[in-house]
């Protein structure tokens, strides 16, 4: 994957973390990093410079598996951020 594509995924990763904070699912980045034993310093460095090669795929997997973030949205930016939003939209039909 090219650097700019990777940076876009990184930006969506942080956008998802922010959305989880807003929904009061997590208290903040510390909650996320403590739960998964992630080095918070690496996360902050990545946030400052999304082109750095620090993103771990397992971090995305945590968002997908444990918080219902859409894998399609994380990887491509298409569709709703959360899987539940997809389910809600399909129930309207």
C-alpha atoms as a PDB file:
ATOM      1  CA  UNK A   1       0.000   0.000   0.000  1.00  0.00           C
ATOM      2  CA  UNK A   2       1.312   3.451  -0.808  1.00  0.00           C
ATOM      3  CA  UNK A   3       2.157   5.894   1.937  1.00  0.00           C
ATOM      4  CA  UNK A   4      -0.790   8.231   1.324  1.00  0.00           C
ATOM      5  CA  UNK A   5      -3.225   5.299   1.361  1.00  0.00           C
ATOM      6  CA  UNK A   6      -1.747   4.117   4.637  1.00  0.00           C
ATOM      7  CA  UNK A   7      -2.003   7.632   6.087  1.00  0.00           C
ATOM      8  CA  UNK A   8      -5.701   7.730   5.162  1.00  0.00           C
ATOM      9  CA  UNK A   9      -6.278   4.494   7.083  1.00  0.00           C
ATOM     10  CA  UNK A  10      -4.380   5.958  10.042  1.00  0.00           C
ATOM     11  CA  UNK A  11      -6.580   9.055   9.970  1.00  0.00           C
ATOM     12  CA  UNK A  12      -9.721   6.892   9.924  1.00  0.00           C
ATOM     13  CA  UNK A  13      -8.307   4.846  12.821  1.00  0.00           C
ATOM     14  CA  UNK A  14      -8.026   8.003  14.934  1.00  0.00           C
ATOM     15  CA  UNK A  15     -11.429   9.228  13.748  1.00  0.00           C
ATOM     16  CA  UNK A  16     -12.942   5.935  14.955  1.00  0.00           C
ATOM     17  CA  UNK A  17     -11.226   6.292  18.348  1.00  0.00           C
ATOM     18  CA  UNK A  18     -12.666   9.805  18.628  1.00  0.00           C
ATOM     19  CA  UNK A  19     -16.147   8.533  17.709  1.00  0.00           C
ATOM     20  CA  UNK A  20     -15.881   5.843  20.395  1.00  0.00           C
ATOM     21  CA  UNK A  21     -14.990   8.562  22.909  1.00  0.00           C
ATOM     22  CA  UNK A  22     -17.951  10.678  21.799  1.00  0.00           C
ATOM     23  CA  UNK A  23     -20.281   7.673  22.154  1.00  0.00           C
ATOM     24  CA  UNK A  24     -18.787   7.117  25.623  1.00  0.00           C
ATOM     25  CA  UNK A  25     -17.724   3.581  24.690  1.00  0.00           C
ATOM     26  CA  UNK A  26     -14.169   4.384  25.785  1.00  0.00           C
ATOM     27  CA  UNK A  27     -12.947   7.207  27.998  1.00  0.00           C
ATOM     28  CA  UNK A  28     -10.010   8.003  25.758  1.00  0.00           C
ATOM     29  CA  UNK A  29      -6.888   6.744  24.047  1.00  0.00           C
ATOM     30  CA  UNK A  30      -5.496   5.546  27.380  1.00  0.00           C
ATOM     31  CA  UNK A  31      -8.464   3.194  27.790  1.00  0.00           C
ATOM     32  CA  UNK A  32      -7.766   1.697  24.367  1.00  0.00           C
ATOM     33  CA  UNK A  33      -4.001   1.414  24.826  1.00  0.00           C
ATOM     34  CA  UNK A  34      -4.261  -0.035  28.332  1.00  0.00           C
ATOM     35  CA  UNK A  35      -6.821  -2.645  27.287  1.00  0.00           C
ATOM     36  CA  UNK A  36      -4.601  -3.965  24.479  1.00  0.00           C
ATOM     37  CA  UNK A  37      -1.151  -3.253  25.956  1.00  0.00           C
ATOM     38  CA  UNK A  38      -0.315  -0.774  23.208  1.00  0.00           C
ATOM     39  CA  UNK A  39       2.583   1.624  23.655  1.00  0.00           C
ATOM     40  CA  UNK A  40       0.766   4.953  23.942  1.00  0.00           C
ATOM     41  CA  UNK A  41       3.882   6.823  22.797  1.00  0.00           C
ATOM     42  CA  UNK A  42       3.785   4.995  19.447  1.00  0.00           C
ATOM     43  CA  UNK A  43       0.129   5.903  19.062  1.00  0.00           C
ATOM     44  CA  UNK A  44       0.820   9.594  19.735  1.00  0.00           C
ATOM     45  CA  UNK A  45       3.756   9.571  17.288  1.00  0.00           C
ATOM     46  CA  UNK A  46       1.526   8.013  14.657  1.00  0.00           C
ATOM     47  CA  UNK A  47      -1.168  10.618  15.255  1.00  0.00           C
ATOM     48  CA  UNK A  48       1.378  13.424  14.768  1.00  0.00           C
ATOM     49  CA  UNK A  49       2.809  11.818  11.628  1.00  0.00           C
ATOM     50  CA  UNK A  50       0.298   9.467   9.911  1.00  0.00           C
ATOM     51  CA  UNK A  51       2.882   8.575   7.236  1.00  0.00           C
ATOM     52  CA  UNK A  52       5.120   6.854   9.800  1.00  0.00           C
ATOM     53  CA  UNK A  53       5.035   3.101   9.539  1.00  0.00           C
ATOM     54  CA  UNK A  54       3.797   2.508  13.094  1.00  0.00           C
ATOM     55  CA  UNK A  55       0.237   1.310  12.524  1.00  0.00           C
ATOM     56  CA  UNK A  56      -0.292  -2.275  13.628  1.00  0.00           C
ATOM     57  CA  UNK A  57      -3.013  -4.242  11.832  1.00  0.00           C
ATOM     58  CA  UNK A  58      -4.039  -5.742  15.166  1.00  0.00           C
ATOM     59  CA  UNK A  59      -5.092  -2.244  16.302  1.00  0.00           C
ATOM     60  CA  UNK A  60      -7.560  -2.162  13.427  1.00  0.00           C
ATOM     61  CA  UNK A  61      -8.698  -5.674  14.320  1.00  0.00           C
ATOM     62  CA  UNK A  62      -9.516  -4.507  17.866  1.00  0.00           C
ATOM     63  CA  UNK A  63     -11.727  -1.740  16.487  1.00  0.00           C
ATOM     64  CA  UNK A  64     -13.467  -4.157  14.130  1.00  0.00           C
ATOM     65  CA  UNK A  65     -13.891  -7.124  16.488  1.00  0.00           C
ATOM     66  CA  UNK A  66     -14.497  -5.407  19.817  1.00  0.00           C
ATOM     67  CA  UNK A  67     -16.124  -2.091  18.898  1.00  0.00           C
ATOM     68  CA  UNK A  68     -18.088  -2.808  15.718  1.00  0.00           C
ATOM     69  CA  UNK A  69     -16.125  -0.477  13.458  1.00  0.00           C
ATOM     70  CA  UNK A  70     -16.673  -1.363   9.810  1.00  0.00           C
ATOM     71  CA  UNK A  71     -13.627  -2.950   8.192  1.00  0.00           C
ATOM     72  CA  UNK A  72     -14.744  -1.582   4.828  1.00  0.00           C
ATOM     73  CA  UNK A  73     -14.899   1.934   6.235  1.00  0.00           C
ATOM     74  CA  UNK A  74     -11.490   1.607   7.920  1.00  0.00           C
ATOM     75  CA  UNK A  75      -9.788   0.370   4.762  1.00  0.00           C
ATOM     76  CA  UNK A  76     -11.595   2.408   2.097  1.00  0.00           C
ATOM     77  CA  UNK A  77     -13.546   5.171   3.797  1.00  0.00           C
ATOM     78  CA  UNK A  78     -16.735   3.895   2.139  1.00  0.00           C
ATOM     79  CA  UNK A  79     -19.984   3.246   3.975  1.00  0.00           C
ATOM     80  CA  UNK A  80     -20.834   3.928   7.601  1.00  0.00           C
ATOM     81  CA  UNK A  81     -18.167   3.888  10.285  1.00  0.00           C
ATOM     82  CA  UNK A  82     -19.980   1.348  12.455  1.00  0.00           C
ATOM     83  CA  UNK A  83     -21.438  -2.014  11.442  1.00  0.00           C
ATOM     84  CA  UNK A  84     -24.519  -1.341  13.583  1.00  0.00           C
ATOM     85  CA  UNK A  85     -25.255   1.659  11.366  1.00  0.00           C
ATOM     86  CA  UNK A  86     -25.337  -0.718   8.380  1.00  0.00           C
ATOM     87  CA  UNK A  87     -27.744  -3.018  10.226  1.00  0.00           C
ATOM     88  CA  UNK A  88     -29.974  -0.079  11.201  1.00  0.00           C
ATOM     89  CA  UNK A  89     -30.094   1.183   7.612  1.00  0.00           C
ATOM     90  CA  UNK A  90     -30.982  -2.253   6.252  1.00  0.00           C
ATOM     91  CA  UNK A  91     -33.817  -2.561   8.796  1.00  0.00           C
ATOM     92  CA  UNK A  92     -35.426   0.558   7.327  1.00  0.00           C
ATOM     93  CA  UNK A  93     -36.116  -1.218   4.021  1.00  0.00           C
END
